[in-house]
Each structure stands twice: as structure tokens, then as C-alpha cells.
Amino acid sequence: MNKVYEPCENDYIRWRDQEGWVYFKCEDYITIEILVKDKPCSLSDHLHKKDHLLLVCYKQYWDEIIYKRTRQSRYHS
């Protein structure tokens, strides 16, 4: 029996037709960051300068994930 991949924050993965970084992990799901873009100029004076598009992947689908690589932190690509 093959062991199911256990996702970790800062892993780059492929799930179904999406690829991205594991941004958050808890017992029940992970979020996968699939897009980051600058906020419009009118909003860039706020604390957060970027918009992040996150996809939720629940634990029952972790067997479909393909691991690609790992980064040091979310501040490194």
C-alpha cells in the first residue's frame, strides 16, 4: 500500500489542473496559493500590498496531490 503524501506549508504541488504553493495547513484541509497580484494603487496604502487567490483542498483529496518541490518560506519563491 502506498503512503498518501502529507502536504506541508511551502510545498509546491499540483492538484487536479492547478499548481501552487501550500499556503496554510490544518487537520482538515490545506489552501493552495494559485495566484498573487498587486492590489490596485488606491488600495496599496494598506497593510497588505498583494491579493492572493487560494484554493481549498480537503483532506479526502490529498491522495490526488503531486509534490513538486519545497521553498524556505512564503517569502522565497
C-alpha atoms as a PDB file:
ATOM      1  CA  MET A   1       0.000   0.000   0.000  1.00  0.00           C
ATOM      2  CA  ASN A   2       1.388   3.419  -0.982  1.00  0.00           C
ATOM      3  CA  LYS A   3       1.564   6.125   1.657  1.00  0.00           C
ATOM      4  CA  VAL A   4      -0.509   9.242   0.907  1.00  0.00           C
ATOM      5  CA  TYR A   5       1.529  12.438   0.541  1.00  0.00           C
ATOM      6  CA  GLU A   6       1.227  14.667   3.620  1.00  0.00           C
ATOM      7  CA  PRO A   7       1.247  18.299   2.407  1.00  0.00           C
ATOM      8  CA  CYS A   8       3.350  20.884   4.253  1.00  0.00           C
ATOM      9  CA  GLU A   9       3.310  24.665   4.130  1.00  0.00           C
ATOM     10  CA  ASN A  10       5.685  25.987   1.454  1.00  0.00           C
ATOM     11  CA  ASP A  11       5.498  22.872  -0.719  1.00  0.00           C
ATOM     12  CA  TYR A  12       4.811  23.495  -4.408  1.00  0.00           C
ATOM     13  CA  ILE A  13       2.182  20.981  -5.528  1.00  0.00           C
ATOM     14  CA  ARG A  14      -0.131  20.016  -8.337  1.00  0.00           C
ATOM     15  CA  TRP A  15      -3.760  19.132  -7.596  1.00  0.00           C
ATOM     16  CA  ARG A  16      -6.016  18.253 -10.486  1.00  0.00           C
ATOM     17  CA  ASP A  17      -5.457  21.033 -13.053  1.00  0.00           C
ATOM     18  CA  GLN A  18      -3.968  23.595 -10.619  1.00  0.00           C
ATOM     19  CA  GLU A  19      -0.428  24.191  -9.357  1.00  0.00           C
ATOM     20  CA  GLY A  20       0.668  26.383  -6.477  1.00  0.00           C
ATOM     21  CA  TRP A  21       2.174  26.746  -3.025  1.00  0.00           C
ATOM     22  CA  VAL A  22       0.641  25.217   0.100  1.00  0.00           C
ATOM     23  CA  TYR A  23      -0.154  28.436   1.965  1.00  0.00           C
ATOM     24  CA  PHE A  24      -1.927  27.048   5.045  1.00  0.00           C
ATOM     25  CA  LYS A  25      -2.477  23.611   6.545  1.00  0.00           C
ATOM     26  CA  CYS A  26      -4.716  22.348   9.313  1.00  0.00           C
ATOM     27  CA  GLU A  27      -6.045  18.922  10.214  1.00  0.00           C
ATOM     28  CA  ASP A  28      -8.936  19.035   7.727  1.00  0.00           C
ATOM     29  CA  TYR A  29      -7.698  20.969   4.693  1.00  0.00           C
ATOM     30  CA  ILE A  30      -4.943  22.944   3.008  1.00  0.00           C
ATOM     31  CA  THR A  31      -5.081  26.125   0.983  1.00  0.00           C
ATOM     32  CA  ILE A  32      -3.125  26.329  -2.246  1.00  0.00           C
ATOM     33  CA  GLU A  33      -1.956  29.748  -3.422  1.00  0.00           C
ATOM     34  CA  ILE A  34      -2.533  29.732  -7.182  1.00  0.00           C
ATOM     35  CA  LEU A  35      -2.252  33.469  -7.957  1.00  0.00           C
ATOM     36  CA  VAL A  36      -0.648  36.558  -6.403  1.00  0.00           C
ATOM     37  CA  LYS A  37      -1.070  40.044  -7.865  1.00  0.00           C
ATOM     38  CA  ASP A  38      -0.533  43.627  -6.762  1.00  0.00           C
ATOM     39  CA  LYS A  39      -3.534  45.454  -5.358  1.00  0.00           C
ATOM     40  CA  PRO A  40      -4.814  48.480  -7.280  1.00  0.00           C
ATOM     41  CA  CYS A  41      -2.938  51.696  -6.443  1.00  0.00           C
ATOM     42  CA  SER A  42      -5.852  53.069  -4.427  1.00  0.00           C
ATOM     43  CA  LEU A  43      -5.631  50.111  -2.048  1.00  0.00           C
ATOM     44  CA  SER A  44      -1.852  49.717  -1.897  1.00  0.00           C
ATOM     45  CA  ASP A  45      -1.503  52.109   1.062  1.00  0.00           C
ATOM     46  CA  HIS A  46      -2.977  49.427   3.317  1.00  0.00           C
ATOM     47  CA  LEU A  47      -1.013  46.846   5.269  1.00  0.00           C
ATOM     48  CA  HIS A  48      -1.316  44.134   2.612  1.00  0.00           C
ATOM     49  CA  LYS A  49       0.038  45.067  -0.811  1.00  0.00           C
ATOM     50  CA  LYS A  50      -0.978  41.907  -2.682  1.00  0.00           C
ATOM     51  CA  ASP A  51      -4.102  39.903  -3.425  1.00  0.00           C
ATOM     52  CA  HIS A  52      -3.783  36.131  -3.004  1.00  0.00           C
ATOM     53  CA  LEU A  53      -6.092  33.643  -4.697  1.00  0.00           C
ATOM     54  CA  LEU A  54      -6.306  30.480  -2.578  1.00  0.00           C
ATOM     55  CA  LEU A  55      -7.891  27.146  -3.440  1.00  0.00           C
ATOM     56  CA  VAL A  56      -9.147  24.836  -0.673  1.00  0.00           C
ATOM     57  CA  CYS A  57      -8.251  21.135  -0.832  1.00  0.00           C
ATOM     58  CA  TYR A  58      -9.871  18.933   1.807  1.00  0.00           C
ATOM     59  CA  LYS A  59      -8.018  16.006   3.365  1.00  0.00           C
ATOM     60  CA  GLN A  60     -10.010  13.359   1.488  1.00  0.00           C
ATOM     61  CA  TYR A  61      -8.371  14.633  -1.759  1.00  0.00           C
ATOM     62  CA  TRP A  62      -4.759  14.685  -0.554  1.00  0.00           C
ATOM     63  CA  ASP A  63      -4.150  11.353  -2.323  1.00  0.00           C
ATOM     64  CA  GLU A  64      -4.582  13.256  -5.638  1.00  0.00           C
ATOM     65  CA  ILE A  65      -1.773  15.759  -4.876  1.00  0.00           C
ATOM     66  CA  ILE A  66       1.551  15.561  -6.687  1.00  0.00           C
ATOM     67  CA  TYR A  67       4.523  17.024  -4.801  1.00  0.00           C
ATOM     68  CA  LYS A  68       6.891  19.187  -6.892  1.00  0.00           C
ATOM     69  CA  ARG A  69       9.341  20.974  -4.545  1.00  0.00           C
ATOM     70  CA  THR A  70       9.737  22.970  -1.303  1.00  0.00           C
ATOM     71  CA  ARG A  71      10.792  26.570  -0.563  1.00  0.00           C
ATOM     72  CA  GLN A  72      12.286  28.024   2.637  1.00  0.00           C
ATOM     73  CA  SER A  73       9.287  30.244   3.437  1.00  0.00           C
ATOM     74  CA  ARG A  74       6.431  32.072   1.731  1.00  0.00           C
ATOM     75  CA  TYR A  75       8.821  34.987   1.239  1.00  0.00           C
ATOM     76  CA  HIS A  76      11.054  32.878  -1.016  1.00  0.00           C
ATOM     77  CA  SER A  77       9.915  31.594  -4.387  1.00  0.00           C
END
